Amino acid sequence: MLVETRDLLVTGPPRSGTLSIARALQAMGLDIGHETMGKDGCVSSLLGFPSKDAGREHLGTHLDGGLERFAFRHVARILREPLETIASLAYCQTPGLWRFVEEELGPVEPALRVAHLLGESQWIERAARTWLAWEQAISQTWGPFHRIGDGRFDRAEIRIGDLTGSLEKIAVWLDRDLPVGTFHEHRSQHPTLSWKELEAQTSPELCSTIRSWAMTGGYA
């Protein structure tokens, strides 16, 4: 298969802010797709997970061939506060995502009613395990990431809480003269989650592992 090279891939777990970042990069003038490939690259949770078909059958994406078809000069990893992402995963999940997770991580039970998910401990544990598996997969697939301000590296981190600052650094990183406005993360309204609640609804071991991963990103 002929490998096609693009400038930029931005990846992170589902519900980490991929759509907000894709829209912001598009507003800057980059041809960037969200779970689709543009001329400059894409913002994709699925390409952070080493799946050959990139989940396209379940999630309706257009990334045929995944990492076997595409290569990227620069890869950015999204950092979003883990508890916010896990709560969002539990509350805003889609059937397609869970079919993909079932294939990659093992069986899951079908969703009942989205409005009640956060009150179900099984959904919190499922979301927590999904977040952790995705973070581990991104690290295993792409190796270490660095602060985006350090131009020596082609792997860097985007902090969703400082989206405007990260976008400015991406423009420099890509050596492009791009207009950077002021962008804000679009936050879905859903219940929040604390570390105490996470431990109570999962297990001390899982919560401890997630907290350790969170600390590497400057959280927890």
C-alpha atoms as a PDB file:
ATOM      1  CA  MET A   1       0.000   0.000   0.000  1.00  0.00           C
ATOM      2  CA  LEU A   2       1.274   3.442  -0.947  1.00  0.00           C
ATOM      3  CA  VAL A   3       1.786   5.574   2.188  1.00  0.00           C
ATOM      4  CA  GLU A   4       0.439   9.125   2.010  1.00  0.00           C
ATOM      5  CA  THR A   5       2.176  11.749   4.166  1.00  0.00           C
ATOM      6  CA  ARG A   6       0.336  14.596   5.856  1.00  0.00           C
ATOM      7  CA  ASP A   7       1.639  17.459   8.001  1.00  0.00           C
ATOM      8  CA  LEU A   8      -0.385  16.979  11.173  1.00  0.00           C
ATOM      9  CA  LEU A   9      -2.252  14.428  13.260  1.00  0.00           C
ATOM     10  CA  VAL A  10      -3.908  15.523  16.502  1.00  0.00           C
ATOM     11  CA  THR A  11      -5.132  12.619  18.630  1.00  0.00           C
ATOM     12  CA  GLY A  12      -6.543  11.877  22.065  1.00  0.00           C
ATOM     13  CA  PRO A  13      -9.200   9.700  23.699  1.00  0.00           C
ATOM     14  CA  PRO A  14     -12.828  10.124  22.644  1.00  0.00           C
ATOM     15  CA  ARG A  15     -14.454  13.177  24.288  1.00  0.00           C
ATOM     16  CA  SER A  16     -11.072  14.844  24.838  1.00  0.00           C
ATOM     17  CA  GLY A  17     -11.826  17.849  22.620  1.00  0.00           C
ATOM     18  CA  THR A  18     -11.036  16.593  19.119  1.00  0.00           C
ATOM     19  CA  LEU A  19     -13.963  18.372  17.471  1.00  0.00           C
ATOM     20  CA  SER A  20     -13.143  21.724  19.111  1.00  0.00           C
ATOM     21  CA  ILE A  21      -9.533  21.482  17.975  1.00  0.00           C
ATOM     22  CA  ALA A  22     -10.489  20.428  14.444  1.00  0.00           C
ATOM     23  CA  ARG A  23     -12.818  23.426  14.105  1.00  0.00           C
ATOM     24  CA  ALA A  24     -10.162  25.776  15.443  1.00  0.00           C
ATOM     25  CA  LEU A  25      -7.521  24.462  13.021  1.00  0.00           C
ATOM     26  CA  GLN A  26      -9.990  24.761  10.160  1.00  0.00           C
ATOM     27  CA  ALA A  27     -10.679  28.384  11.163  1.00  0.00           C
ATOM     28  CA  MET A  28      -6.930  29.014  10.932  1.00  0.00           C
ATOM     29  CA  GLY A  29      -7.026  27.920   7.300  1.00  0.00           C
ATOM     30  CA  LEU A  30      -5.726  24.364   7.568  1.00  0.00           C
ATOM     31  CA  ASP A  31      -7.390  21.618   5.536  1.00  0.00           C
ATOM     32  CA  ILE A  32      -7.930  19.375   8.557  1.00  0.00           C
ATOM     33  CA  GLY A  33     -10.668  16.777   8.938  1.00  0.00           C
ATOM     34  CA  HIS A  34     -12.333  15.469  12.079  1.00  0.00           C
ATOM     35  CA  GLU A  35     -12.104  11.669  11.796  1.00  0.00           C
ATOM     36  CA  THR A  36     -11.612  12.267   8.068  1.00  0.00           C
ATOM     37  CA  MET A  37      -8.398  13.054   6.200  1.00  0.00           C
ATOM     38  CA  GLY A  38      -7.730  16.530   4.845  1.00  0.00           C
ATOM     39  CA  LYS A  39      -4.827  17.708   2.723  1.00  0.00           C
ATOM     40  CA  ASP A  40      -3.015  18.937   5.851  1.00  0.00           C
ATOM     41  CA  GLY A  41      -4.022  16.005   8.076  1.00  0.00           C
ATOM     42  CA  CYS A  42      -6.712  15.235  10.619  1.00  0.00           C
ATOM     43  CA  VAL A  43      -7.846  15.326  14.215  1.00  0.00           C
ATOM     44  CA  SER A  44      -8.725  11.755  15.147  1.00  0.00           C
ATOM     45  CA  SER A  45      -9.246   9.723  18.292  1.00  0.00           C
ATOM     46  CA  LEU A  46      -9.281   6.547  16.240  1.00  0.00           C
ATOM     47  CA  LEU A  47      -5.823   6.997  14.759  1.00  0.00           C
ATOM     48  CA  GLY A  48      -4.468   7.087  18.288  1.00  0.00           C
ATOM     49  CA  PHE A  49      -5.666   3.521  18.725  1.00  0.00           C
ATOM     50  CA  PRO A  50      -3.707   0.873  16.782  1.00  0.00           C
ATOM     51  CA  SER A  51      -6.650  -0.657  14.940  1.00  0.00           C
ATOM     52  CA  LYS A  52      -6.171  -1.651  11.296  1.00  0.00           C
ATOM     53  CA  ASP A  53      -9.590  -0.488  10.176  1.00  0.00           C
ATOM     54  CA  ALA A  54      -9.579   2.534  12.521  1.00  0.00           C
ATOM     55  CA  GLY A  55     -13.118   1.691  13.596  1.00  0.00           C
ATOM     56  CA  ARG A  56     -14.605   3.066  10.393  1.00  0.00           C
ATOM     57  CA  GLU A  57     -17.307   0.390  10.160  1.00  0.00           C
ATOM     58  CA  HIS A  58     -18.786   1.398  13.506  1.00  0.00           C
ATOM     59  CA  LEU A  59     -18.140   5.116  13.608  1.00  0.00           C
ATOM     60  CA  GLY A  60     -18.658   6.082   9.981  1.00  0.00           C
ATOM     61  CA  THR A  61     -15.184   7.530   9.461  1.00  0.00           C
ATOM     62  CA  HIS A  62     -13.240   7.878   6.225  1.00  0.00           C
ATOM     63  CA  LEU A  63      -9.768   6.807   7.278  1.00  0.00           C
ATOM     64  CA  ASP A  64      -9.539   3.596   5.252  1.00  0.00           C
ATOM     65  CA  GLY A  65      -6.192   1.925   5.845  1.00  0.00           C
ATOM     66  CA  GLY A  66      -5.487   3.865   9.045  1.00  0.00           C
ATOM     67  CA  LEU A  67      -1.819   4.011   9.978  1.00  0.00           C
ATOM     68  CA  GLU A  68      -0.950   1.548   7.234  1.00  0.00           C
ATOM     69  CA  ARG A  69      -1.963   4.180   4.679  1.00  0.00           C
ATOM     70  CA  PHE A  70      -1.098   7.504   6.310  1.00  0.00           C
ATOM     71  CA  ALA A  71       2.075   8.932   7.863  1.00  0.00           C
ATOM     72  CA  PHE A  72       2.422  12.288   9.643  1.00  0.00           C
ATOM     73  CA  ARG A  73       5.292  14.745   9.974  1.00  0.00           C
ATOM     74  CA  HIS A  74       3.939  16.055  13.289  1.00  0.00           C
ATOM     75  CA  VAL A  75       1.737  14.350  15.871  1.00  0.00           C
ATOM     76  CA  ALA A  76       0.074  16.225  18.737  1.00  0.00           C
ATOM     77  CA  ARG A  77      -1.552  14.589  21.733  1.00  0.00           C
ATOM     78  CA  ILE A  78      -4.531  16.242  23.438  1.00  0.00           C
ATOM     79  CA  LEU A  79      -4.377  16.709  27.189  1.00  0.00           C
ATOM     80  CA  ARG A  80      -7.746  17.205  28.856  1.00  0.00           C
ATOM     81  CA  GLU A  81      -8.464  16.800  32.566  1.00  0.00           C
ATOM     82  CA  PRO A  82      -9.038  13.010  32.918  1.00  0.00           C
ATOM     83  CA  LEU A  83     -12.102  13.151  35.162  1.00  0.00           C
ATOM     84  CA  GLU A  84     -13.843  15.514  32.743  1.00  0.00           C
ATOM     85  CA  THR A  85     -13.086  13.184  29.852  1.00  0.00           C
ATOM     86  CA  ILE A  86     -14.208  10.056  31.722  1.00  0.00           C
ATOM     87  CA  ALA A  87     -17.460  11.721  32.826  1.00  0.00           C
ATOM     88  CA  SER A  88     -18.094  12.858  29.270  1.00  0.00           C
ATOM     89  CA  LEU A  89     -17.399   9.356  27.951  1.00  0.00           C
ATOM     90  CA  ALA A  90     -19.888   7.864  30.394  1.00  0.00           C
ATOM     91  CA  TYR A  91     -22.583  10.424  29.715  1.00  0.00           C
ATOM     92  CA  CYS A  92     -22.237  11.179  25.996  1.00  0.00           C
ATOM     93  CA  GLN A  93     -21.298   7.793  24.589  1.00  0.00           C
ATOM     94  CA  THR A  94     -22.603   6.486  21.275  1.00  0.00           C
ATOM     95  CA  PRO A  95     -23.474   2.900  20.272  1.00  0.00           C
ATOM     96  CA  GLY A  96     -20.816   3.004  17.554  1.00  0.00           C
ATOM     97  CA  LEU A  97     -18.068   3.845  20.045  1.00  0.00           C
ATOM     98  CA  TRP A  98     -19.024   0.976  22.318  1.00  0.00           C
ATOM     99  CA  ARG A  99     -19.093  -1.513  19.433  1.00  0.00           C
ATOM    100  CA  PHE A 100     -15.555  -0.414  18.614  1.00  0.00           C
ATOM    101  CA  VAL A 101     -14.516  -0.666  22.272  1.00  0.00           C
ATOM    102  CA  GLU A 102     -16.105  -4.120  22.476  1.00  0.00           C
ATOM    103  CA  GLU A 103     -13.934  -5.355  19.614  1.00  0.00           C
ATOM    104  CA  GLU A 104     -10.756  -3.841  21.038  1.00  0.00           C
ATOM    105  CA  LEU A 105     -11.214  -4.212  24.814  1.00  0.00           C
ATOM    106  CA  GLY A 106     -13.766  -6.995  25.282  1.00  0.00           C
ATOM    107  CA  PRO A 107     -17.558  -7.295  25.593  1.00  0.00           C
ATOM    108  CA  VAL A 108     -19.678  -4.462  26.934  1.00  0.00           C
ATOM    109  CA  GLU A 109     -23.386  -4.348  27.644  1.00  0.00           C
ATOM    110  CA  PRO A 110     -25.615  -2.284  25.315  1.00  0.00           C
ATOM    111  CA  ALA A 111     -26.529   1.229  26.381  1.00  0.00           C
ATOM    112  CA  LEU A 112     -29.953   1.766  27.958  1.00  0.00           C
ATOM    113  CA  ARG A 113     -30.722   5.464  28.392  1.00  0.00           C
ATOM    114  CA  VAL A 114     -27.977   8.062  28.000  1.00  0.00           C
ATOM    115  CA  ALA A 115     -29.524  10.432  30.547  1.00  0.00           C
ATOM    116  CA  HIS A 116     -28.992   7.885  33.313  1.00  0.00           C
ATOM    117  CA  LEU A 117     -25.497   6.678  32.466  1.00  0.00           C
ATOM    118  CA  LEU A 118     -23.562   8.626  35.053  1.00  0.00           C
ATOM    119  CA  GLY A 119     -25.666   7.117  37.829  1.00  0.00           C
ATOM    120  CA  GLU A 120     -24.660   3.611  36.776  1.00  0.00           C
ATOM    121  CA  SER A 121     -21.321   2.474  38.220  1.00  0.00           C
ATOM    122  CA  GLN A 122     -20.793   0.044  35.320  1.00  0.00           C
ATOM    123  CA  TRP A 123     -20.752   2.972  32.900  1.00  0.00           C
ATOM    124  CA  ILE A 124     -18.217   4.875  34.962  1.00  0.00           C
ATOM    125  CA  GLU A 125     -15.926   1.854  35.094  1.00  0.00           C
ATOM    126  CA  ARG A 126     -16.345   1.226  31.385  1.00  0.00           C
ATOM    127  CA  ALA A 127     -15.564   4.860  30.574  1.00  0.00           C
ATOM    128  CA  ALA A 128     -12.554   4.844  32.915  1.00  0.00           C
ATOM    129  CA  ARG A 129     -11.133   1.687  31.374  1.00  0.00           C
ATOM    130  CA  THR A 130     -11.705   3.069  27.885  1.00  0.00           C
ATOM    131  CA  TRP A 131      -9.876   6.325  28.737  1.00  0.00           C
ATOM    132  CA  LEU A 132      -6.932   4.423  30.217  1.00  0.00           C
ATOM    133  CA  ALA A 133      -6.714   1.974  27.308  1.00  0.00           C
ATOM    134  CA  TRP A 134      -6.743   4.845  24.815  1.00  0.00           C
ATOM    135  CA  GLU A 135      -4.018   6.746  26.657  1.00  0.00           C
ATOM    136  CA  GLN A 136      -1.883   3.607  26.821  1.00  0.00           C
ATOM    137  CA  ALA A 137      -2.482   2.876  23.134  1.00  0.00           C
ATOM    138  CA  ILE A 138      -1.459   6.398  22.119  1.00  0.00           C
ATOM    139  CA  SER A 139       1.776   6.089  24.103  1.00  0.00           C
ATOM    140  CA  GLN A 140       2.517   2.653  22.665  1.00  0.00           C
ATOM    141  CA  THR A 141       1.755   3.753  19.108  1.00  0.00           C
ATOM    142  CA  TRP A 142       3.520   7.121  19.073  1.00  0.00           C
ATOM    143  CA  GLY A 143       6.077   6.996  21.870  1.00  0.00           C
ATOM    144  CA  PRO A 144       6.970   9.933  24.138  1.00  0.00           C
ATOM    145  CA  PHE A 145       5.455  13.381  23.654  1.00  0.00           C
ATOM    146  CA  HIS A 146       7.021  16.713  24.591  1.00  0.00           C
ATOM    147  CA  ARG A 147       5.938  20.257  25.263  1.00  0.00           C
ATOM    148  CA  ILE A 148       4.742  21.740  22.001  1.00  0.00           C
ATOM    149  CA  GLY A 149       6.929  24.817  22.429  1.00  0.00           C
ATOM    150  CA  ASP A 150      10.085  22.755  21.913  1.00  0.00           C
ATOM    151  CA  GLY A 151      10.622  22.773  18.156  1.00  0.00           C
ATOM    152  CA  ARG A 152      13.187  19.985  18.252  1.00  0.00           C
ATOM    153  CA  PHE A 153      10.486  17.332  18.492  1.00  0.00           C
ATOM    154  CA  ASP A 154       7.842  16.077  16.048  1.00  0.00           C
ATOM    155  CA  ARG A 155       5.655  14.736  18.896  1.00  0.00           C
ATOM    156  CA  ALA A 156       4.021  17.272  21.199  1.00  0.00           C
ATOM    157  CA  GLU A 157       1.159  17.887  23.615  1.00  0.00           C
ATOM    158  CA  ILE A 158      -1.853  20.199  23.273  1.00  0.00           C
ATOM    159  CA  ARG A 159      -3.460  21.306  26.515  1.00  0.00           C
ATOM    160  CA  ILE A 160      -7.177  21.783  25.902  1.00  0.00           C
ATOM    161  CA  GLY A 161      -7.317  24.341  28.728  1.00  0.00           C
ATOM    162  CA  ASP A 162      -4.932  26.602  26.752  1.00  0.00           C
ATOM    163  CA  LEU A 163      -6.285  26.087  23.251  1.00  0.00           C
ATOM    164  CA  THR A 164      -5.301  29.480  21.856  1.00  0.00           C
ATOM    165  CA  GLY A 165      -1.732  29.152  23.133  1.00  0.00           C
ATOM    166  CA  SER A 166      -1.465  25.623  21.709  1.00  0.00           C
ATOM    167  CA  LEU A 167      -2.741  26.740  18.301  1.00  0.00           C
ATOM    168  CA  GLU A 168      -0.181  29.538  18.158  1.00  0.00           C
ATOM    169  CA  LYS A 169       2.547  27.000  18.793  1.00  0.00           C
ATOM    170  CA  ILE A 170       1.135  24.648  16.142  1.00  0.00           C
ATOM    171  CA  ALA A 171       1.438  27.432  13.541  1.00  0.00           C
ATOM    172  CA  VAL A 172       5.118  27.860  14.467  1.00  0.00           C
ATOM    173  CA  TRP A 173       5.599  24.107  14.662  1.00  0.00           C
ATOM    174  CA  LEU A 174       4.290  23.655  11.097  1.00  0.00           C
ATOM    175  CA  ASP A 175       6.282  26.711   9.915  1.00  0.00           C
ATOM    176  CA  ARG A 176       3.097  28.250   8.556  1.00  0.00           C
ATOM    177  CA  ASP A 177       1.939  31.877   8.585  1.00  0.00           C
ATOM    178  CA  LEU A 178      -1.508  31.149  10.003  1.00  0.00           C
ATOM    179  CA  PRO A 179      -3.984  33.551  11.624  1.00  0.00           C
ATOM    180  CA  VAL A 180      -4.697  32.513  15.197  1.00  0.00           C
ATOM    181  CA  GLY A 181      -7.794  33.940  16.866  1.00  0.00           C
ATOM    182  CA  THR A 182      -9.089  33.352  20.368  1.00  0.00           C
ATOM    183  CA  PHE A 183     -10.685  29.956  20.752  1.00  0.00           C
ATOM    184  CA  HIS A 184     -12.545  28.379  23.614  1.00  0.00           C
ATOM    185  CA  GLU A 185     -13.299  24.738  24.223  1.00  0.00           C
ATOM    186  CA  HIS A 186     -16.947  23.858  23.689  1.00  0.00           C
ATOM    187  CA  ARG A 187     -18.025  22.095  26.865  1.00  0.00           C
ATOM    188  CA  SER A 188     -20.978  19.728  26.861  1.00  0.00           C
ATOM    189  CA  GLN A 189     -23.195  20.021  29.897  1.00  0.00           C
ATOM    190  CA  HIS A 190     -23.049  16.796  31.858  1.00  0.00           C
ATOM    191  CA  PRO A 191     -22.517  15.705  35.477  1.00  0.00           C
ATOM    192  CA  THR A 192     -19.016  15.987  36.894  1.00  0.00           C
ATOM    193  CA  LEU A 193     -16.911  13.316  38.557  1.00  0.00           C
ATOM    194  CA  SER A 194     -14.470  13.448  41.496  1.00  0.00           C
ATOM    195  CA  TRP A 195     -11.569  11.138  42.309  1.00  0.00           C
ATOM    196  CA  LYS A 196     -13.488   9.913  45.352  1.00  0.00           C
ATOM    197  CA  GLU A 197     -16.505   9.061  43.199  1.00  0.00           C
ATOM    198  CA  LEU A 198     -14.312   7.364  40.603  1.00  0.00           C
ATOM    199  CA  GLU A 199     -12.719   5.123  43.237  1.00  0.00           C
ATOM    200  CA  ALA A 200     -16.122   4.298  44.753  1.00  0.00           C
ATOM    201  CA  GLN A 201     -17.588   3.319  41.382  1.00  0.00           C
ATOM    202  CA  THR A 202     -14.577   1.426  40.009  1.00  0.00           C
ATOM    203  CA  SER A 203     -11.797   0.084  42.213  1.00  0.00           C
ATOM    204  CA  PRO A 204      -8.865   1.538  44.181  1.00  0.00           C
ATOM    205  CA  GLU A 205      -6.450  -0.184  41.784  1.00  0.00           C
ATOM    206  CA  LEU A 206      -8.004   1.253  38.614  1.00  0.00           C
ATOM    207  CA  CYS A 207      -8.366   4.691  40.178  1.00  0.00           C
ATOM    208  CA  SER A 208      -4.715   4.644  41.289  1.00  0.00           C
ATOM    209  CA  THR A 209      -3.535   3.677  37.800  1.00  0.00           C
ATOM    210  CA  ILE A 210      -5.589   6.442  36.195  1.00  0.00           C
ATOM    211  CA  ARG A 211      -4.323   8.975  38.720  1.00  0.00           C
ATOM    212  CA  SER A 212      -0.720   7.982  37.925  1.00  0.00           C
ATOM    213  CA  TRP A 213      -1.347   8.495  34.216  1.00  0.00           C
ATOM    214  CA  ALA A 214      -3.072  11.793  34.981  1.00  0.00           C
ATOM    215  CA  MET A 215      -0.045  13.034  36.918  1.00  0.00           C
ATOM    216  CA  THR A 216       2.200  12.552  33.884  1.00  0.00           C
ATOM    217  CA  GLY A 217       0.011  15.124  32.117  1.00  0.00           C
ATOM    218  CA  GLY A 218       0.128  17.549  35.007  1.00  0.00           C
ATOM    219  CA  TYR A 219      -3.265  16.615  36.424  1.00  0.00           C
ATOM    220  CA  ALA A 220      -4.349  14.948  39.703  1.00  0.00           C
END
